């Protein structure tokens, strides 16, 4: 039986693996310039300085802040910041976090906001937030611990809990409200 337009192939060819259908979960935005290239040196910087593997003790805030800090050091004419970030974000992941990104449906991420939302939902769930809030609200200075060291530890805890849209003073005011409400 012959199907219209189908090419006849020997049965053995169907058993060979192919790369068709291996599309990224991140849909890359169209580029309106004739020539666009992300230099290998930028990718190398990301590989060497902002790798996130998805381990429980990794600092998600630090990863995102460092990634954005690198992204903000360069600009391509005719390409949005979102477009550049979507193209290079996968280079900042490794191990289980890279597997997670590749497990998402092909082309399902079309904007940085959606990527950030999915990333935070996966690696910064409400239970982690609740535990960190509990650690902060029950924070005490240890015996014989210098005030400076305790204060630095407390500020470090604050930096880890609330994602980038809040300043240090906003975090402190929020925690004051939680503690005294």
Protein backbone atom coordinates (compact mmCIF):
# COMPACT_ATOMS: atom_id res chain seq x y z
CA UNK A 1 0.00 0.00 0.00
CA UNK A 2 1.39 3.39 -0.98
CA UNK A 3 0.64 6.62 0.87
CA UNK A 4 0.58 9.85 -1.16
CA UNK A 5 3.79 11.79 -0.74
CA UNK A 6 5.46 9.21 1.53
CA UNK A 7 9.01 8.17 0.70
CA UNK A 8 9.65 4.47 0.78
CA UNK A 9 12.38 3.53 3.25
CA UNK A 10 13.69 0.18 4.34
CA UNK A 11 12.33 -0.98 7.72
CA UNK A 12 15.82 -0.84 9.25
CA UNK A 13 15.97 2.97 8.82
CA UNK A 14 13.07 3.40 11.22
CA UNK A 15 15.15 1.95 14.06
CA UNK A 16 17.87 4.61 13.83
CA UNK A 17 17.58 7.55 16.25
CA UNK A 18 16.88 10.97 14.75
CA UNK A 19 17.12 14.51 15.99
CA UNK A 20 13.76 15.54 14.58
CA UNK A 21 11.34 16.56 17.29
CA UNK A 22 14.05 17.74 19.69
CA UNK A 23 12.87 21.30 20.05
CA UNK A 24 13.76 23.49 23.02
CA UNK A 25 11.14 24.31 25.63
CA UNK A 26 12.13 27.96 25.17
CA UNK A 27 10.70 29.52 22.01
CA UNK A 28 13.36 31.90 20.75
CA UNK A 29 11.88 35.25 19.67
CA UNK A 30 12.33 36.26 16.06
CA UNK A 31 15.34 38.44 15.37
CA UNK A 32 14.80 41.41 13.07
CA UNK A 33 18.44 42.08 12.30
CA UNK A 34 20.47 40.49 9.51
CA UNK A 35 23.26 39.23 11.74
CA UNK A 36 23.02 38.18 15.35
CA UNK A 37 25.57 36.17 17.28
CA UNK A 38 26.07 35.56 20.96
CA UNK A 39 29.82 35.41 21.37
CA UNK A 40 31.28 32.21 22.83
CA UNK A 41 33.01 34.34 25.48
CA UNK A 42 29.61 35.35 26.90
CA UNK A 43 28.51 31.73 27.06
CA UNK A 44 31.84 30.82 28.69
CA UNK A 45 31.33 33.50 31.36
CA UNK A 46 27.88 32.13 32.12
CA UNK A 47 29.16 28.53 32.25
CA UNK A 48 31.98 29.45 34.60
CA UNK A 49 30.20 31.84 36.96
CA UNK A 50 26.44 31.30 37.21
CA UNK A 51 25.75 27.58 37.00
CA UNK A 52 22.62 26.38 38.82
CA UNK A 53 22.15 22.65 39.23
CA UNK A 54 18.97 22.56 41.33
CA UNK A 55 20.44 21.33 44.60
CA UNK A 56 18.50 22.19 47.76
CA UNK A 57 21.29 24.26 49.29
CA UNK A 58 21.90 26.42 46.22
CA UNK A 59 20.99 30.10 46.45
CA UNK A 60 18.38 30.77 43.77
CA UNK A 61 18.43 34.53 44.33
CA UNK A 62 22.18 34.64 43.87
CA UNK A 63 21.90 32.67 40.63
CA UNK A 64 19.22 34.96 39.18
CA UNK A 65 20.96 38.16 40.30
CA UNK A 66 24.31 37.03 38.84
CA UNK A 67 22.66 35.90 35.61
CA UNK A 68 20.91 39.26 35.17
CA UNK A 69 24.07 41.14 36.12
CA UNK A 70 25.94 39.43 33.28
CA UNK A 71 23.04 39.96 30.85
CA UNK A 72 22.96 43.67 31.69
CA UNK A 73 26.59 44.12 30.65
CA UNK A 74 25.87 43.82 26.94
CA UNK A 75 23.24 44.96 24.45
CA UNK A 76 22.44 43.91 20.91
CA UNK A 77 20.87 46.44 18.56
CA UNK A 78 17.48 45.30 17.32
CA UNK A 79 17.12 42.55 19.94
CA UNK A 80 15.17 42.93 23.16
CA UNK A 81 16.68 42.09 26.55
CA UNK A 82 14.06 39.33 26.86
CA UNK A 83 15.20 37.85 23.56
CA UNK A 84 18.82 37.70 24.66
CA UNK A 85 17.98 36.32 28.10
CA UNK A 86 15.73 33.61 26.67
CA UNK A 87 18.51 32.56 24.29
CA UNK A 88 21.22 32.22 26.94
CA UNK A 89 19.34 31.17 30.10
CA UNK A 90 19.71 27.46 29.38
CA UNK A 91 23.50 27.88 29.47
CA UNK A 92 23.22 28.89 33.14
CA UNK A 93 21.67 25.54 34.09
CA UNK A 94 23.25 22.14 34.58
CA UNK A 95 22.40 18.70 35.96
CA UNK A 96 18.82 18.34 37.26
CA UNK A 97 17.83 21.93 36.53
CA UNK A 98 18.84 21.49 32.89
CA UNK A 99 16.86 18.24 32.79
CA UNK A 100 13.86 20.10 34.24
CA UNK A 101 14.04 22.79 31.55
CA UNK A 102 14.31 20.19 28.79
CA UNK A 103 11.33 18.27 30.21
CA UNK A 104 8.96 21.20 29.64
CA UNK A 105 6.80 21.05 26.49
CA UNK A 106 8.55 22.25 23.35
CA UNK A 107 8.11 25.99 22.76
CA UNK A 108 6.07 26.43 25.94
CA UNK A 109 8.16 29.34 27.25
CA UNK A 110 7.80 32.48 25.15
CA UNK A 111 8.74 35.27 27.57
CA UNK A 112 11.16 35.86 30.44
CA UNK A 113 8.26 36.42 32.84
CA UNK A 114 6.90 32.92 32.10
CA UNK A 115 10.36 31.38 32.42
CA UNK A 116 10.96 33.14 35.74
CA UNK A 117 7.54 32.08 37.05
CA UNK A 118 8.10 28.40 36.16
CA UNK A 119 11.67 28.45 37.45
CA UNK A 120 10.66 29.97 40.79
CA UNK A 121 7.68 27.63 41.14
CA UNK A 122 10.02 24.66 40.69
CA UNK A 123 12.99 25.76 42.79
CA UNK A 124 11.44 28.17 45.31
CA UNK A 125 8.18 26.49 46.39
CA UNK A 126 5.96 27.94 49.17
CA UNK A 127 7.28 25.37 51.66
CA UNK A 128 10.81 26.70 51.22
CA UNK A 129 9.56 30.25 51.69
CA UNK A 130 7.68 29.26 54.87
CA UNK A 131 10.76 27.56 56.33
CA UNK A 132 12.96 30.53 55.55
CA UNK A 133 10.42 32.94 57.07
CA UNK A 134 10.32 30.79 60.19
CA UNK A 135 14.13 30.82 60.40
CA UNK A 136 14.14 34.60 60.07
CA UNK A 137 11.39 35.32 62.58
CA UNK A 138 13.00 32.99 65.14
CA UNK A 139 16.53 34.30 64.56
CA UNK A 140 18.61 34.89 67.69
CA UNK A 141 22.16 35.98 68.22
CA UNK A 142 24.28 33.07 69.49
CA UNK A 143 26.20 33.22 72.76
CA UNK A 144 29.57 34.89 72.26
CA UNK A 145 28.68 35.75 68.67
CA UNK A 146 29.74 39.28 67.79
CA UNK A 147 26.85 41.58 66.92
CA UNK A 148 28.38 42.31 63.54
CA UNK A 149 28.48 38.58 62.62
CA UNK A 150 24.88 38.05 63.77
CA UNK A 151 23.74 41.08 61.77
CA UNK A 152 25.54 39.85 58.64
CA UNK A 153 23.95 36.41 59.05
CA UNK A 154 20.51 38.00 59.44
CA UNK A 155 20.98 40.16 56.33
CA UNK A 156 22.11 37.07 54.39
CA UNK A 157 18.89 35.29 55.39
CA UNK A 158 16.85 38.30 54.21
CA UNK A 159 18.65 38.38 50.87
CA UNK A 160 17.75 34.75 50.23
CA UNK A 161 14.04 34.90 50.95
CA UNK A 162 12.37 37.54 48.88
CA UNK A 163 13.00 37.54 45.20
CA UNK A 164 14.63 40.56 43.60
CA UNK A 165 11.65 42.92 43.39
CA UNK A 166 12.06 43.93 47.03
CA UNK A 167 14.78 46.11 48.45
CA UNK A 168 16.52 45.32 51.72
CA UNK A 169 14.39 47.90 53.57
CA UNK A 170 11.18 46.41 52.11
CA UNK A 171 12.24 42.99 53.36
CA UNK A 172 13.04 44.35 56.80
CA UNK A 173 9.69 46.19 57.01
CA UNK A 174 7.85 43.08 55.87
CA UNK A 175 9.52 41.00 58.56
CA UNK A 176 8.80 43.66 61.19
CA UNK A 177 5.13 43.48 60.17
CA UNK A 178 5.16 39.64 60.38
CA UNK A 179 6.81 39.68 63.78
CA UNK A 180 4.65 42.33 65.43
CA UNK A 181 1.30 41.56 63.79
